[in-house]
Amino acid sequence: MGMVDRTADAVWMSVRRVIEPLMSPTLRAMCSPRPGEGFDARSFIGNQGSLFLIAGRQHAAAAVPLLTALAEEWLTTATVMAKSYPTRRLDPPATAVLDELTNATPVPSLPDIVSDSAGQGVVIHWAAQSRAQLDDAFGPARARQLLDNTTTLSLWGGLKDTDAL
């Protein structure tokens, strides 16, 4: 590949992380629809479909890259679709609820998407256990951007980080 060994190792580690979920026969079967049954995010959103991304404990860690990719595809498609509407916003709005954001669907582009998604009719609710989780998942600057770009913040009783409060 023409890279130094450390760089090549890092690249292959990333590749392994992405394809590892497909090593599970169960997850592979779930991602292999029959001909004509593929997921069309544009049609799904346009028809006001509900999509639930749930992974049981035995598959949760392995499923994160797949769940994240699917969530990002949905979010990106919704914001692109909004631009094609006369008002440049989805009508009716589309809603994404990303519970356990950092554990299940840490969408890398989420800090950017939330900056103008509400104005496009794409309502995003997300939940994380702590600011530290956000820092770990997105990096401190991107975590701050996510918090700053989120229109409504709710803090729950378990939060003890005085900086976050």
N, C-alpha and C. Protein backbone atom coordinates (compact mmCIF):
# COMPACT_ATOMS: atom_id res chain seq x y z
N MET A 1 0.82 -1.19 0.00
CA MET A 1 0.00 0.00 0.00
C MET A 1 0.86 1.25 0.00
N GLY A 2 2.16 1.11 0.18
CA GLY A 2 3.04 2.26 0.17
C GLY A 2 2.98 3.09 1.44
N MET A 3 2.59 2.49 2.56
CA MET A 3 2.51 3.20 3.84
C MET A 3 3.53 2.65 4.80
N VAL A 4 3.88 3.44 5.79
CA VAL A 4 4.72 2.91 6.85
C VAL A 4 3.90 1.89 7.62
N ASP A 5 4.58 0.97 8.28
CA ASP A 5 3.89 -0.13 8.96
C ASP A 5 2.84 0.35 9.95
N ARG A 6 3.15 1.38 10.74
CA ARG A 6 2.18 1.86 11.74
C ARG A 6 0.92 2.38 11.08
N THR A 7 1.08 3.11 9.98
CA THR A 7 -0.09 3.64 9.27
C THR A 7 -0.90 2.50 8.67
N ALA A 8 -0.22 1.55 8.06
CA ALA A 8 -0.92 0.40 7.47
C ALA A 8 -1.68 -0.37 8.55
N ASP A 9 -1.06 -0.56 9.71
CA ASP A 9 -1.73 -1.26 10.81
C ASP A 9 -2.98 -0.51 11.25
N ALA A 10 -2.89 0.81 11.33
CA ALA A 10 -4.04 1.61 11.74
C ALA A 10 -5.16 1.52 10.72
N VAL A 11 -4.80 1.53 9.44
CA VAL A 11 -5.81 1.40 8.38
C VAL A 11 -6.50 0.05 8.48
N TRP A 12 -5.73 -1.02 8.63
CA TRP A 12 -6.33 -2.35 8.72
C TRP A 12 -7.15 -2.52 9.98
N MET A 13 -6.77 -1.86 11.07
CA MET A 13 -7.58 -1.93 12.28
C MET A 13 -8.95 -1.28 12.03
N SER A 14 -8.96 -0.17 11.30
CA SER A 14 -10.22 0.49 10.95
C SER A 14 -11.07 -0.38 10.04
N VAL A 15 -10.43 -1.00 9.07
CA VAL A 15 -11.15 -1.89 8.15
C VAL A 15 -11.76 -3.05 8.92
N ARG A 16 -10.98 -3.66 9.81
CA ARG A 16 -11.49 -4.78 10.62
C ARG A 16 -12.69 -4.35 11.46
N ARG A 17 -12.62 -3.16 12.04
CA ARG A 17 -13.72 -2.67 12.87
C ARG A 17 -15.01 -2.54 12.06
N VAL A 18 -14.87 -2.12 10.82
CA VAL A 18 -16.05 -1.94 9.97
C VAL A 18 -16.64 -3.28 9.52
N ILE A 19 -15.78 -4.23 9.15
CA ILE A 19 -16.31 -5.49 8.63
C ILE A 19 -16.57 -6.53 9.70
N GLU A 20 -16.07 -6.32 10.91
CA GLU A 20 -16.24 -7.29 11.98
C GLU A 20 -17.70 -7.67 12.23
N PRO A 21 -18.64 -6.72 12.22
CA PRO A 21 -20.03 -7.12 12.44
C PRO A 21 -20.52 -8.14 11.42
N LEU A 22 -20.00 -8.07 10.22
CA LEU A 22 -20.45 -8.98 9.18
C LEU A 22 -19.88 -10.39 9.35
N MET A 23 -19.02 -10.57 10.33
CA MET A 23 -18.52 -11.92 10.64
C MET A 23 -19.58 -12.72 11.39
N SER A 24 -20.53 -12.05 12.00
CA SER A 24 -21.62 -12.71 12.70
C SER A 24 -22.67 -13.15 11.68
N PRO A 25 -22.96 -14.45 11.61
CA PRO A 25 -23.98 -14.91 10.65
C PRO A 25 -25.34 -14.23 10.87
N THR A 26 -25.69 -13.96 12.11
CA THR A 26 -26.98 -13.32 12.40
C THR A 26 -27.01 -11.90 11.84
N LEU A 27 -25.97 -11.11 12.13
CA LEU A 27 -25.93 -9.73 11.62
C LEU A 27 -25.80 -9.72 10.10
N ARG A 28 -25.03 -10.63 9.55
CA ARG A 28 -24.87 -10.71 8.10
C ARG A 28 -26.22 -11.00 7.44
N ALA A 29 -27.00 -11.90 8.02
CA ALA A 29 -28.31 -12.22 7.47
C ALA A 29 -29.25 -11.01 7.53
N MET A 30 -29.14 -10.25 8.62
CA MET A 30 -29.99 -9.07 8.77
C MET A 30 -29.65 -7.99 7.74
N CYS A 31 -28.41 -7.99 7.26
CA CYS A 31 -27.96 -6.98 6.30
C CYS A 31 -27.99 -7.49 4.87
N SER A 32 -28.64 -8.61 4.65
CA SER A 32 -28.69 -9.22 3.32
C SER A 32 -30.14 -9.42 2.88
N PRO A 33 -30.80 -8.34 2.49
CA PRO A 33 -32.19 -8.50 2.07
C PRO A 33 -32.30 -9.28 0.77
N ARG A 34 -33.46 -9.84 0.57
CA ARG A 34 -33.72 -10.54 -0.70
C ARG A 34 -33.81 -9.50 -1.81
N PRO A 35 -33.63 -9.92 -3.05
CA PRO A 35 -33.73 -8.97 -4.17
C PRO A 35 -35.06 -8.20 -4.12
N GLY A 36 -34.96 -6.90 -4.30
CA GLY A 36 -36.14 -6.04 -4.29
C GLY A 36 -36.58 -5.60 -2.90
N GLU A 37 -35.88 -6.04 -1.85
CA GLU A 37 -36.28 -5.70 -0.49
C GLU A 37 -35.28 -4.79 0.22
N GLY A 38 -34.41 -4.13 -0.51
CA GLY A 38 -33.42 -3.26 0.11
C GLY A 38 -34.05 -2.05 0.79
N PHE A 39 -33.29 -1.41 1.65
CA PHE A 39 -33.76 -0.24 2.39
C PHE A 39 -33.55 1.01 1.55
N ASP A 40 -34.62 1.73 1.27
CA ASP A 40 -34.57 2.98 0.53
C ASP A 40 -34.94 4.10 1.51
N ALA A 41 -33.94 4.77 2.04
CA ALA A 41 -34.17 5.79 3.07
C ALA A 41 -35.09 6.89 2.57
N ARG A 42 -34.92 7.32 1.34
CA ARG A 42 -35.74 8.41 0.79
C ARG A 42 -37.22 8.02 0.78
N SER A 43 -37.52 6.84 0.28
CA SER A 43 -38.90 6.36 0.25
C SER A 43 -39.43 6.16 1.66
N PHE A 44 -38.60 5.62 2.52
CA PHE A 44 -38.99 5.35 3.90
C PHE A 44 -39.38 6.64 4.62
N ILE A 45 -38.56 7.66 4.50
CA ILE A 45 -38.83 8.95 5.14
C ILE A 45 -40.06 9.60 4.50
N GLY A 46 -40.13 9.56 3.17
CA GLY A 46 -41.26 10.15 2.46
C GLY A 46 -42.59 9.52 2.83
N ASN A 47 -42.58 8.24 3.19
CA ASN A 47 -43.80 7.53 3.58
C ASN A 47 -44.01 7.54 5.09
N GLN A 48 -43.25 8.35 5.81
CA GLN A 48 -43.36 8.52 7.26
C GLN A 48 -43.19 7.21 8.01
N GLY A 49 -42.26 6.40 7.56
CA GLY A 49 -42.00 5.12 8.22
C GLY A 49 -41.32 5.30 9.57
N SER A 50 -41.45 4.29 10.40
CA SER A 50 -40.77 4.27 11.71
C SER A 50 -39.70 3.20 11.66
N LEU A 51 -38.51 3.57 12.04
CA LEU A 51 -37.37 2.66 12.02
C LEU A 51 -36.82 2.55 13.43
N PHE A 52 -36.73 1.34 13.94
CA PHE A 52 -36.19 1.11 15.27
C PHE A 52 -34.90 0.32 15.13
N LEU A 53 -33.80 0.86 15.62
CA LEU A 53 -32.51 0.18 15.58
C LEU A 53 -32.22 -0.33 16.98
N ILE A 54 -32.36 -1.62 17.16
CA ILE A 54 -32.21 -2.22 18.48
C ILE A 54 -31.24 -3.39 18.37
N ALA A 55 -30.29 -3.45 19.28
CA ALA A 55 -29.36 -4.58 19.32
C ALA A 55 -29.40 -5.16 20.72
N GLY A 56 -29.59 -6.46 20.81
CA GLY A 56 -29.55 -7.13 22.10
C GLY A 56 -28.13 -7.13 22.64
N ARG A 57 -27.98 -7.42 23.91
CA ARG A 57 -26.66 -7.40 24.54
C ARG A 57 -25.63 -8.24 23.80
N GLN A 58 -26.03 -9.39 23.29
CA GLN A 58 -25.07 -10.28 22.65
C GLN A 58 -24.52 -9.73 21.33
N HIS A 59 -25.24 -8.80 20.69
CA HIS A 59 -24.79 -8.25 19.41
C HIS A 59 -24.50 -6.75 19.47
N ALA A 60 -24.74 -6.13 20.60
CA ALA A 60 -24.68 -4.67 20.68
C ALA A 60 -23.34 -4.09 20.22
N ALA A 61 -22.25 -4.55 20.79
CA ALA A 61 -20.94 -3.97 20.45
C ALA A 61 -20.60 -4.19 18.98
N ALA A 62 -20.88 -5.39 18.49
CA ALA A 62 -20.57 -5.69 17.09
C ALA A 62 -21.47 -4.90 16.14
N ALA A 63 -22.67 -4.56 16.58
CA ALA A 63 -23.63 -3.89 15.70
C ALA A 63 -23.42 -2.38 15.61
N VAL A 64 -22.65 -1.79 16.50
CA VAL A 64 -22.49 -0.33 16.53
C VAL A 64 -22.10 0.25 15.17
N PRO A 65 -21.10 -0.26 14.46
CA PRO A 65 -20.78 0.34 13.16
C PRO A 65 -21.94 0.28 12.16
N LEU A 66 -22.69 -0.82 12.17
CA LEU A 66 -23.82 -0.94 11.25
C LEU A 66 -24.96 0.00 11.65
N LEU A 67 -25.27 0.05 12.94
CA LEU A 67 -26.34 0.93 13.40
C LEU A 67 -25.98 2.39 13.14
N THR A 68 -24.71 2.73 13.36
CA THR A 68 -24.26 4.11 13.13
C THR A 68 -24.36 4.47 11.66
N ALA A 69 -23.93 3.57 10.78
CA ALA A 69 -24.01 3.83 9.34
C ALA A 69 -25.46 4.01 8.90
N LEU A 70 -26.35 3.17 9.40
CA LEU A 70 -27.76 3.28 9.03
C LEU A 70 -28.37 4.58 9.57
N ALA A 71 -28.05 4.93 10.80
CA ALA A 71 -28.56 6.18 11.37
C ALA A 71 -28.04 7.38 10.58
N GLU A 72 -26.76 7.36 10.23
CA GLU A 72 -26.20 8.48 9.47
C GLU A 72 -26.82 8.57 8.08
N GLU A 73 -27.07 7.43 7.45
CA GLU A 73 -27.74 7.43 6.14
C GLU A 73 -29.13 8.05 6.25
N TRP A 74 -29.87 7.67 7.28
CA TRP A 74 -31.21 8.21 7.49
C TRP A 74 -31.15 9.73 7.70
N LEU A 75 -30.27 10.18 8.60
CA LEU A 75 -30.16 11.61 8.90
C LEU A 75 -29.73 12.42 7.68
N THR A 76 -28.74 11.92 6.97
CA THR A 76 -28.24 12.62 5.79
C THR A 76 -29.32 12.69 4.71
N THR A 77 -29.99 11.57 4.49
CA THR A 77 -31.06 11.54 3.48
C THR A 77 -32.17 12.52 3.84
N ALA A 78 -32.56 12.56 5.11
CA ALA A 78 -33.63 13.46 5.54
C ALA A 78 -33.25 14.92 5.29
N THR A 79 -32.02 15.30 5.60
CA THR A 79 -31.62 16.70 5.40
C THR A 79 -31.49 17.03 3.92
N VAL A 80 -31.04 16.09 3.11
CA VAL A 80 -30.97 16.31 1.66
C VAL A 80 -32.38 16.42 1.08
N MET A 81 -33.29 15.55 1.52
CA MET A 81 -34.67 15.61 1.05
C MET A 81 -35.31 16.96 1.35
N ALA A 82 -35.03 17.50 2.52
CA ALA A 82 -35.63 18.77 2.92
C ALA A 82 -35.32 19.87 1.91
N LYS A 83 -34.14 19.85 1.36
CA LYS A 83 -33.73 20.88 0.40
C LYS A 83 -34.56 20.83 -0.88
N SER A 84 -35.19 19.68 -1.16
CA SER A 84 -35.98 19.56 -2.38
C SER A 84 -37.44 20.01 -2.19
N TYR A 85 -37.85 20.28 -0.97
CA TYR A 85 -39.21 20.74 -0.70
C TYR A 85 -39.28 22.25 -0.99
N PRO A 86 -40.44 22.75 -1.41
CA PRO A 86 -40.56 24.18 -1.71
C PRO A 86 -40.17 25.07 -0.53
N THR A 87 -40.49 24.63 0.69
CA THR A 87 -40.15 25.42 1.88
C THR A 87 -38.76 25.08 2.42
N ARG A 88 -38.08 24.14 1.77
CA ARG A 88 -36.76 23.66 2.16
C ARG A 88 -36.77 23.03 3.56
N ARG A 89 -37.90 22.44 3.91
CA ARG A 89 -38.04 21.70 5.16
C ARG A 89 -39.04 20.57 4.94
N LEU A 90 -38.81 19.44 5.60
CA LEU A 90 -39.72 18.31 5.48
C LEU A 90 -41.07 18.66 6.07
N ASP A 91 -42.12 18.28 5.38
CA ASP A 91 -43.47 18.51 5.87
C ASP A 91 -44.31 17.28 5.53
N PRO A 92 -44.67 16.50 6.53
CA PRO A 92 -44.47 16.67 7.95
C PRO A 92 -43.01 16.41 8.33
N PRO A 93 -42.61 16.90 9.49
CA PRO A 93 -41.23 16.70 9.94
C PRO A 93 -40.91 15.22 10.15
N ALA A 94 -39.65 14.90 10.09
CA ALA A 94 -39.16 13.55 10.41
C ALA A 94 -38.43 13.65 11.74
N THR A 95 -38.56 12.64 12.57
CA THR A 95 -37.95 12.66 13.90
C THR A 95 -37.01 11.48 14.08
N ALA A 96 -35.84 11.75 14.61
CA ALA A 96 -34.89 10.70 14.98
C ALA A 96 -34.70 10.76 16.49
N VAL A 97 -34.80 9.63 17.14
CA VAL A 97 -34.56 9.54 18.58
C VAL A 97 -33.36 8.62 18.76
N LEU A 98 -32.25 9.18 19.16
CA LEU A 98 -30.99 8.43 19.29
C LEU A 98 -30.67 8.26 20.77
N ASP A 99 -31.25 7.24 21.37
CA ASP A 99 -30.99 6.94 22.78
C ASP A 99 -29.65 6.23 22.88
N GLU A 100 -28.96 6.42 23.99
CA GLU A 100 -27.63 5.82 24.17
C GLU A 100 -26.73 6.16 22.98
N LEU A 101 -26.75 7.42 22.60
CA LEU A 101 -26.03 7.90 21.43
C LEU A 101 -24.59 7.39 21.35
N THR A 102 -23.84 7.56 22.41
CA THR A 102 -22.42 7.22 22.36
C THR A 102 -22.18 5.72 22.35
N ASN A 103 -23.13 4.93 22.85
CA ASN A 103 -22.97 3.48 22.88
C ASN A 103 -23.54 2.78 21.66
N ALA A 104 -24.57 3.35 21.04
CA ALA A 104 -25.26 2.64 19.97
C ALA A 104 -25.07 3.24 18.59
N THR A 105 -25.16 4.56 18.48
CA THR A 105 -25.08 5.20 17.16
C THR A 105 -24.28 6.50 17.22
N PRO A 106 -22.99 6.44 17.50
CA PRO A 106 -22.20 7.68 17.59
C PRO A 106 -21.91 8.25 16.19
N VAL A 107 -22.92 8.83 15.58
CA VAL A 107 -22.84 9.35 14.21
C VAL A 107 -21.80 10.47 14.17
N PRO A 108 -20.69 10.28 13.44
CA PRO A 108 -19.61 11.27 13.44
C PRO A 108 -20.04 12.67 12.99
N SER A 109 -20.98 12.74 12.06
CA SER A 109 -21.40 14.04 11.53
C SER A 109 -22.54 14.68 12.33
N LEU A 110 -22.98 14.05 13.41
CA LEU A 110 -24.12 14.58 14.17
C LEU A 110 -23.93 16.02 14.64
N PRO A 111 -22.75 16.41 15.15
CA PRO A 111 -22.60 17.82 15.56
C PRO A 111 -22.90 18.80 14.42
N ASP A 112 -22.56 18.43 13.19
CA ASP A 112 -22.85 19.29 12.04
C ASP A 112 -24.33 19.23 11.66
N ILE A 113 -24.89 18.03 11.67
CA ILE A 113 -26.28 17.84 11.26
C ILE A 113 -27.23 18.59 12.17
N VAL A 114 -27.01 18.52 13.50
CA VAL A 114 -27.95 19.17 14.42
C VAL A 114 -27.91 20.69 14.33
N SER A 115 -26.88 21.25 13.72
CA SER A 115 -26.78 22.71 13.66
C SER A 115 -27.92 23.34 12.88
N ASP A 116 -28.47 22.65 11.88
CA ASP A 116 -29.58 23.25 11.14
C ASP A 116 -30.70 22.27 10.81
N SER A 117 -30.68 21.10 11.42
CA SER A 117 -31.68 20.08 11.09
C SER A 117 -33.10 20.50 11.48
N ALA A 118 -33.28 21.13 12.62
CA ALA A 118 -34.63 21.51 13.06
C ALA A 118 -35.27 22.46 12.06
N GLY A 119 -34.49 23.37 11.51
CA GLY A 119 -35.00 24.30 10.50
C GLY A 119 -35.35 23.62 9.20
N GLN A 120 -34.87 22.39 9.03
CA GLN A 120 -35.18 21.62 7.82
C GLN A 120 -36.28 20.60 8.05
N GLY A 121 -36.89 20.65 9.22
CA GLY A 121 -37.94 19.68 9.52
C GLY A 121 -37.41 18.31 9.89
N VAL A 122 -36.18 18.26 10.35
CA VAL A 122 -35.57 17.01 10.82
C VAL A 122 -35.29 17.22 12.31
N VAL A 123 -36.15 16.65 13.13
CA VAL A 123 -36.07 16.83 14.58
C VAL A 123 -35.23 15.70 15.17
N ILE A 124 -34.19 16.05 15.89
CA ILE A 124 -33.28 15.03 16.45
C ILE A 124 -33.28 15.13 17.97
N HIS A 125 -33.64 14.03 18.60
CA HIS A 125 -33.54 13.89 20.05
C HIS A 125 -32.41 12.90 20.29
N TRP A 126 -31.51 13.21 21.18
CA TRP A 126 -30.44 12.27 21.49
C TRP A 126 -30.21 12.27 23.00
N ALA A 127 -29.67 11.16 23.47
CA ALA A 127 -29.39 11.03 24.90
C ALA A 127 -28.04 10.38 25.11
N ALA A 128 -27.32 10.89 26.09
CA ALA A 128 -26.04 10.30 26.50
C ALA A 128 -25.99 10.35 28.02
N GLN A 129 -25.18 9.50 28.60
CA GLN A 129 -25.11 9.41 30.06
C GLN A 129 -24.31 10.54 30.69
N SER A 130 -23.31 11.06 29.96
CA SER A 130 -22.46 12.08 30.57
C SER A 130 -21.70 12.86 29.50
N ARG A 131 -21.18 14.00 29.91
CA ARG A 131 -20.33 14.80 29.04
C ARG A 131 -19.06 14.02 28.70
N ALA A 132 -18.55 13.25 29.65
CA ALA A 132 -17.34 12.46 29.41
C ALA A 132 -17.57 11.46 28.28
N GLN A 133 -18.75 10.85 28.23
CA GLN A 133 -19.06 9.93 27.13
C GLN A 133 -19.02 10.66 25.79
N LEU A 134 -19.58 11.85 25.75
CA LEU A 134 -19.57 12.64 24.52
C LEU A 134 -18.14 12.99 24.12
N ASP A 135 -17.32 13.39 25.09
CA ASP A 135 -15.92 13.71 24.81
C ASP A 135 -15.19 12.49 24.25
N ASP A 136 -15.42 11.32 24.83
CA ASP A 136 -14.77 10.10 24.35
C ASP A 136 -15.22 9.74 22.94
N ALA A 137 -16.51 9.88 22.67
CA ALA A 137 -17.05 9.47 21.37
C ALA A 137 -16.73 10.46 20.25
N PHE A 138 -16.79 11.75 20.55
CA PHE A 138 -16.66 12.76 19.50
C PHE A 138 -15.39 13.61 19.61
N GLY A 139 -14.70 13.54 20.74
CA GLY A 139 -13.60 14.46 21.01
C GLY A 139 -14.19 15.69 21.69
N PRO A 140 -13.41 16.36 22.56
CA PRO A 140 -13.96 17.48 23.33
C PRO A 140 -14.55 18.61 22.49
N ALA A 141 -13.88 18.99 21.41
CA ALA A 141 -14.38 20.12 20.60
C ALA A 141 -15.68 19.75 19.89
N ARG A 142 -15.74 18.55 19.31
CA ARG A 142 -16.97 18.13 18.61
C ARG A 142 -18.11 17.89 19.61
N ALA A 143 -17.79 17.40 20.80
CA ALA A 143 -18.82 17.21 21.83
C ALA A 143 -19.41 18.57 22.21
N ARG A 144 -18.55 19.57 22.39
CA ARG A 144 -19.02 20.92 22.71
C ARG A 144 -19.89 21.46 21.57
N GLN A 145 -19.47 21.21 20.34
CA GLN A 145 -20.25 21.64 19.17
C GLN A 145 -21.63 20.97 19.18
N LEU A 146 -21.67 19.68 19.48
CA LEU A 146 -22.95 18.96 19.55
C LEU A 146 -23.86 19.58 20.60
N LEU A 147 -23.30 19.83 21.77
CA LEU A 147 -24.09 20.45 22.85
C LEU A 147 -24.56 21.85 22.46
N ASP A 148 -23.67 22.65 21.88
CA ASP A 148 -24.02 24.02 21.51
C ASP A 148 -25.05 24.07 20.39
N ASN A 149 -25.02 23.10 19.47
CA ASN A 149 -25.94 23.10 18.33
C ASN A 149 -27.28 22.44 18.63
N THR A 150 -27.40 21.79 19.78
CA THR A 150 -28.65 21.14 20.16
C THR A 150 -29.59 22.19 20.73
N THR A 151 -30.81 22.25 20.20
CA THR A 151 -31.73 23.33 20.60
C THR A 151 -32.28 23.17 22.00
N THR A 152 -32.53 21.97 22.46
CA THR A 152 -33.08 21.77 23.80
C THR A 152 -32.23 20.74 24.54
N LEU A 153 -31.77 21.10 25.72
CA LEU A 153 -31.00 20.18 26.55
C LEU A 153 -31.80 19.86 27.81
N SER A 154 -31.86 18.59 28.14
CA SER A 154 -32.49 18.14 29.39
C SER A 154 -31.42 17.42 30.19
N LEU A 155 -31.27 17.78 31.44
CA LEU A 155 -30.31 17.13 32.31
C LEU A 155 -31.08 16.34 33.35
N TRP A 156 -30.65 15.11 33.59
CA TRP A 156 -31.35 14.22 34.50
C TRP A 156 -30.62 14.13 35.83
N GLY A 157 -31.30 13.64 36.82
CA GLY A 157 -30.82 13.62 38.19
C GLY A 157 -29.50 12.92 38.44
N GLY A 158 -29.12 11.98 37.61
CA GLY A 158 -27.89 11.23 37.86
C GLY A 158 -26.62 11.98 37.50
N LEU A 159 -26.71 13.08 36.77
CA LEU A 159 -25.53 13.81 36.33
C LEU A 159 -24.87 14.51 37.51
N LYS A 160 -23.57 14.27 37.67
CA LYS A 160 -22.84 14.84 38.81
C LYS A 160 -21.66 15.72 38.39
N ASP A 161 -21.38 15.78 37.11
CA ASP A 161 -20.27 16.56 36.59
C ASP A 161 -20.61 18.05 36.69
N THR A 162 -19.94 18.75 37.60
CA THR A 162 -20.26 20.17 37.81
C THR A 162 -19.98 21.02 36.58
N ASP A 163 -18.99 20.64 35.77
CA ASP A 163 -18.73 21.40 34.54
C ASP A 163 -19.90 21.28 33.57
N ALA A 164 -20.51 20.10 33.51
CA ALA A 164 -21.64 19.90 32.61
C ALA A 164 -22.89 20.61 33.12
N LEU A 165 -22.99 20.73 34.44
CA LEU A 165 -24.17 21.39 35.01
C LEU A 165 -24.04 22.89 34.87
